[in-house]
Amino acid sequence: MKRTYIYRLEVGYDKKPPEVIEFFYAPNAKRLIQYAQTMYHDKKYNKYKPVKVGISRDKEPIRMISSFEAAYLKKNMNGEFYSERYETE
């Protein structure tokens, strides 16, 4: 069975901070970027940076994670980034 991963996708323009940061379910980064390019077609973004942050327990179609789930993930990601930064100092 193929796995479904959880990605944090940062979208924007080159040499600028990301304008959009969202979480998605996707089987791989390449398919996620294709999905996001269609989703944000009218904005003409040229920078898509997917970061794998986890694995889904269930097989999911490519889709954006709900705002409730995303808020939970963002809260937990901030804690992990802080602890990683703290450990390296």
N, C-alpha and C. Protein backbone atom coordinates (compact mmCIF):
# COMPACT_ATOMS: atom_id res chain seq x y z
N MET A 1 0.84 -1.19 0.00
CA MET A 1 0.00 0.00 0.00
C MET A 1 0.89 1.25 0.00
N LYS A 2 0.54 2.18 -0.86
CA LYS A 2 1.31 3.43 -0.91
C LYS A 2 0.95 4.30 0.28
N ARG A 3 1.92 5.05 0.72
CA ARG A 3 1.72 5.94 1.87
C ARG A 3 1.28 7.32 1.43
N THR A 4 0.61 8.00 2.34
CA THR A 4 0.26 9.39 2.14
C THR A 4 1.03 10.19 3.18
N TYR A 5 1.72 11.22 2.73
CA TYR A 5 2.54 12.03 3.62
C TYR A 5 1.85 13.36 3.90
N ILE A 6 2.27 13.99 4.97
CA ILE A 6 1.79 15.32 5.31
C ILE A 6 2.93 16.29 4.99
N TYR A 7 2.61 17.29 4.18
CA TYR A 7 3.60 18.28 3.78
C TYR A 7 3.19 19.67 4.24
N ARG A 8 4.18 20.48 4.58
CA ARG A 8 3.98 21.91 4.77
C ARG A 8 4.48 22.54 3.48
N LEU A 9 3.61 23.27 2.80
CA LEU A 9 3.96 23.86 1.52
C LEU A 9 4.07 25.37 1.67
N GLU A 10 5.23 25.90 1.30
CA GLU A 10 5.45 27.34 1.32
C GLU A 10 5.43 27.81 -0.13
N VAL A 11 4.56 28.79 -0.40
CA VAL A 11 4.35 29.26 -1.77
C VAL A 11 4.59 30.76 -1.82
N GLY A 12 5.24 31.20 -2.89
CA GLY A 12 5.47 32.63 -3.05
C GLY A 12 6.30 32.93 -4.27
N TYR A 13 7.05 34.02 -4.18
CA TYR A 13 7.91 34.47 -5.27
C TYR A 13 9.37 34.37 -4.85
N ASP A 14 10.27 34.22 -5.83
CA ASP A 14 11.71 34.14 -5.54
C ASP A 14 12.18 35.33 -4.72
N LYS A 15 13.13 35.07 -3.83
CA LYS A 15 13.80 36.09 -3.00
C LYS A 15 12.85 36.90 -2.12
N LYS A 16 11.69 36.36 -1.84
CA LYS A 16 10.74 37.00 -0.92
C LYS A 16 10.25 35.93 0.06
N PRO A 17 9.81 36.34 1.25
CA PRO A 17 9.24 35.34 2.16
C PRO A 17 7.96 34.74 1.58
N PRO A 18 7.61 33.52 1.97
CA PRO A 18 6.41 32.88 1.41
C PRO A 18 5.14 33.65 1.73
N GLU A 19 4.25 33.72 0.76
CA GLU A 19 2.97 34.40 0.95
C GLU A 19 1.92 33.44 1.52
N VAL A 20 2.07 32.16 1.21
CA VAL A 20 1.11 31.15 1.65
C VAL A 20 1.87 30.01 2.30
N ILE A 21 1.44 29.59 3.49
CA ILE A 21 1.98 28.40 4.13
C ILE A 21 0.78 27.54 4.53
N GLU A 22 0.65 26.40 3.89
CA GLU A 22 -0.48 25.50 4.14
C GLU A 22 0.02 24.07 4.30
N PHE A 23 -0.82 23.24 4.89
CA PHE A 23 -0.52 21.82 5.06
C PHE A 23 -1.38 21.02 4.10
N PHE A 24 -0.79 19.96 3.52
CA PHE A 24 -1.48 19.13 2.54
C PHE A 24 -1.19 17.65 2.80
N TYR A 25 -2.13 16.81 2.37
CA TYR A 25 -1.89 15.38 2.24
C TYR A 25 -1.47 15.15 0.80
N ALA A 26 -0.41 14.37 0.56
CA ALA A 26 0.02 14.06 -0.80
C ALA A 26 0.91 12.82 -0.79
N PRO A 27 0.91 12.07 -1.90
CA PRO A 27 1.76 10.87 -1.97
C PRO A 27 3.24 11.20 -2.16
N ASN A 28 3.54 12.35 -2.79
CA ASN A 28 4.94 12.78 -2.95
C ASN A 28 4.98 14.27 -3.26
N ALA A 29 6.17 14.84 -3.18
CA ALA A 29 6.33 16.29 -3.35
C ALA A 29 6.02 16.75 -4.77
N LYS A 30 6.41 15.95 -5.75
CA LYS A 30 6.18 16.33 -7.15
C LYS A 30 4.69 16.48 -7.45
N ARG A 31 3.89 15.53 -7.01
CA ARG A 31 2.44 15.61 -7.24
C ARG A 31 1.83 16.77 -6.48
N LEU A 32 2.35 17.06 -5.28
CA LEU A 32 1.84 18.18 -4.49
C LEU A 32 2.11 19.50 -5.21
N ILE A 33 3.30 19.66 -5.76
CA ILE A 33 3.63 20.90 -6.47
C ILE A 33 2.71 21.07 -7.68
N GLN A 34 2.46 20.00 -8.42
CA GLN A 34 1.55 20.08 -9.57
C GLN A 34 0.16 20.50 -9.12
N TYR A 35 -0.31 19.93 -8.02
CA TYR A 35 -1.63 20.26 -7.47
C TYR A 35 -1.68 21.73 -7.07
N ALA A 36 -0.63 22.20 -6.38
CA ALA A 36 -0.60 23.59 -5.91
C ALA A 36 -0.51 24.57 -7.07
N GLN A 37 0.23 24.21 -8.12
CA GLN A 37 0.33 25.10 -9.27
C GLN A 37 -1.03 25.30 -9.92
N THR A 38 -1.84 24.27 -9.97
CA THR A 38 -3.20 24.42 -10.51
C THR A 38 -4.07 25.22 -9.54
N MET A 39 -3.89 24.98 -8.26
CA MET A 39 -4.69 25.64 -7.24
C MET A 39 -4.42 27.16 -7.19
N TYR A 40 -3.16 27.54 -7.32
CA TYR A 40 -2.77 28.95 -7.24
C TYR A 40 -2.41 29.51 -8.62
N HIS A 41 -3.02 28.99 -9.66
CA HIS A 41 -2.71 29.37 -11.04
C HIS A 41 -2.84 30.88 -11.28
N ASP A 42 -3.88 31.48 -10.75
CA ASP A 42 -4.14 32.90 -11.01
C ASP A 42 -3.13 33.83 -10.33
N LYS A 43 -2.43 33.36 -9.30
CA LYS A 43 -1.46 34.20 -8.59
C LYS A 43 -0.09 34.23 -9.27
N LYS A 44 0.19 33.24 -10.15
CA LYS A 44 1.46 33.15 -10.87
C LYS A 44 2.69 33.07 -9.95
N TYR A 45 2.59 32.29 -8.89
CA TYR A 45 3.73 32.07 -8.00
C TYR A 45 4.80 31.27 -8.74
N ASN A 46 6.07 31.50 -8.38
CA ASN A 46 7.13 30.74 -9.04
C ASN A 46 8.02 29.98 -8.05
N LYS A 47 7.63 29.97 -6.77
CA LYS A 47 8.41 29.24 -5.77
C LYS A 47 7.47 28.36 -4.95
N TYR A 48 7.68 27.04 -5.03
CA TYR A 48 6.90 26.07 -4.27
C TYR A 48 7.90 25.22 -3.50
N LYS A 49 7.83 25.29 -2.17
CA LYS A 49 8.78 24.54 -1.34
C LYS A 49 8.02 23.59 -0.42
N PRO A 50 7.93 22.30 -0.80
CA PRO A 50 7.28 21.32 0.08
C PRO A 50 8.27 20.77 1.11
N VAL A 51 7.79 20.64 2.35
CA VAL A 51 8.59 20.07 3.43
C VAL A 51 7.78 18.94 4.05
N LYS A 52 8.32 17.72 4.01
CA LYS A 52 7.61 16.57 4.57
C LYS A 52 7.65 16.66 6.09
N VAL A 53 6.48 16.66 6.73
CA VAL A 53 6.43 16.80 8.19
C VAL A 53 5.83 15.59 8.90
N GLY A 54 5.31 14.63 8.13
CA GLY A 54 4.75 13.46 8.78
C GLY A 54 4.15 12.47 7.80
N ILE A 55 3.59 11.41 8.35
CA ILE A 55 2.94 10.37 7.56
C ILE A 55 1.51 10.21 8.06
N SER A 56 0.57 10.13 7.14
CA SER A 56 -0.82 9.93 7.51
C SER A 56 -1.07 8.46 7.83
N ARG A 57 -1.92 8.19 8.79
CA ARG A 57 -2.26 6.80 9.12
C ARG A 57 -3.12 6.17 8.03
N ASP A 58 -3.98 6.99 7.42
CA ASP A 58 -4.90 6.50 6.39
C ASP A 58 -4.47 7.00 5.03
N LYS A 59 -4.88 6.26 3.99
CA LYS A 59 -4.62 6.71 2.63
C LYS A 59 -5.57 7.86 2.33
N GLU A 60 -5.02 9.00 1.94
CA GLU A 60 -5.81 10.20 1.67
C GLU A 60 -5.57 10.66 0.24
N PRO A 61 -6.57 11.28 -0.38
CA PRO A 61 -6.31 11.90 -1.69
C PRO A 61 -5.50 13.19 -1.47
N ILE A 62 -4.92 13.71 -2.56
CA ILE A 62 -4.20 14.99 -2.43
C ILE A 62 -5.23 16.05 -2.09
N ARG A 63 -5.01 16.71 -0.96
CA ARG A 63 -5.93 17.77 -0.55
C ARG A 63 -5.30 18.61 0.53
N MET A 64 -5.86 19.82 0.68
CA MET A 64 -5.41 20.70 1.74
C MET A 64 -5.98 20.19 3.05
N ILE A 65 -5.21 20.28 4.10
CA ILE A 65 -5.68 19.84 5.41
C ILE A 65 -6.60 20.91 5.98
N SER A 66 -7.66 20.49 6.67
CA SER A 66 -8.64 21.43 7.22
C SER A 66 -7.98 22.44 8.16
N SER A 67 -8.61 23.57 8.34
CA SER A 67 -8.03 24.64 9.17
C SER A 67 -7.83 24.18 10.62
N PHE A 68 -8.72 23.34 11.13
CA PHE A 68 -8.58 22.83 12.50
C PHE A 68 -7.32 21.98 12.62
N GLU A 69 -7.16 21.03 11.68
CA GLU A 69 -5.97 20.16 11.70
C GLU A 69 -4.71 20.99 11.47
N ALA A 70 -4.77 21.96 10.57
CA ALA A 70 -3.61 22.78 10.26
C ALA A 70 -3.20 23.62 11.47
N ALA A 71 -4.16 24.15 12.20
CA ALA A 71 -3.83 24.94 13.39
C ALA A 71 -3.10 24.06 14.41
N TYR A 72 -3.56 22.83 14.57
CA TYR A 72 -2.91 21.89 15.49
C TYR A 72 -1.48 21.60 15.04
N LEU A 73 -1.31 21.35 13.73
CA LEU A 73 0.02 21.05 13.20
C LEU A 73 0.95 22.25 13.35
N LYS A 74 0.46 23.45 13.04
CA LYS A 74 1.30 24.65 13.15
C LYS A 74 1.75 24.84 14.59
N LYS A 75 0.84 24.61 15.53
CA LYS A 75 1.18 24.77 16.95
C LYS A 75 2.29 23.78 17.33
N ASN A 76 2.15 22.54 16.88
CA ASN A 76 3.15 21.53 17.20
C ASN A 76 4.46 21.75 16.46
N MET A 77 4.39 22.24 15.23
CA MET A 77 5.61 22.50 14.46
C MET A 77 6.43 23.60 15.14
N ASN A 78 5.78 24.64 15.63
CA ASN A 78 6.52 25.71 16.30
C ASN A 78 7.29 25.17 17.49
N GLY A 79 6.67 24.29 18.26
CA GLY A 79 7.33 23.68 19.41
C GLY A 79 8.53 22.84 18.98
N GLU A 80 8.39 22.08 17.90
CA GLU A 80 9.50 21.26 17.43
C GLU A 80 10.64 22.11 16.92
N PHE A 81 10.32 23.18 16.18
CA PHE A 81 11.37 24.05 15.67
C PHE A 81 12.11 24.70 16.83
N TYR A 82 11.38 25.11 17.85
CA TYR A 82 12.00 25.74 19.01
C TYR A 82 12.93 24.76 19.71
N SER A 83 12.45 23.53 19.91
CA SER A 83 13.28 22.56 20.62
C SER A 83 14.51 22.18 19.81
N GLU A 84 14.37 22.10 18.48
CA GLU A 84 15.54 21.78 17.65
C GLU A 84 16.54 22.93 17.74
N ARG A 85 16.06 24.15 17.68
CA ARG A 85 16.94 25.30 17.76
C ARG A 85 17.63 25.34 19.11
N TYR A 86 16.87 25.05 20.14
CA TYR A 86 17.40 25.09 21.50
C TYR A 86 18.49 24.04 21.70
N GLU A 87 18.30 22.86 21.13
CA GLU A 87 19.28 21.79 21.30
C GLU A 87 20.59 22.08 20.58
N THR A 88 20.54 22.81 19.49
CA THR A 88 21.75 23.07 18.72
C THR A 88 22.57 24.22 19.28
N GLU A 89 22.01 25.02 20.18
CA GLU A 89 22.76 26.16 20.72
C GLU A 89 23.74 25.73 21.77
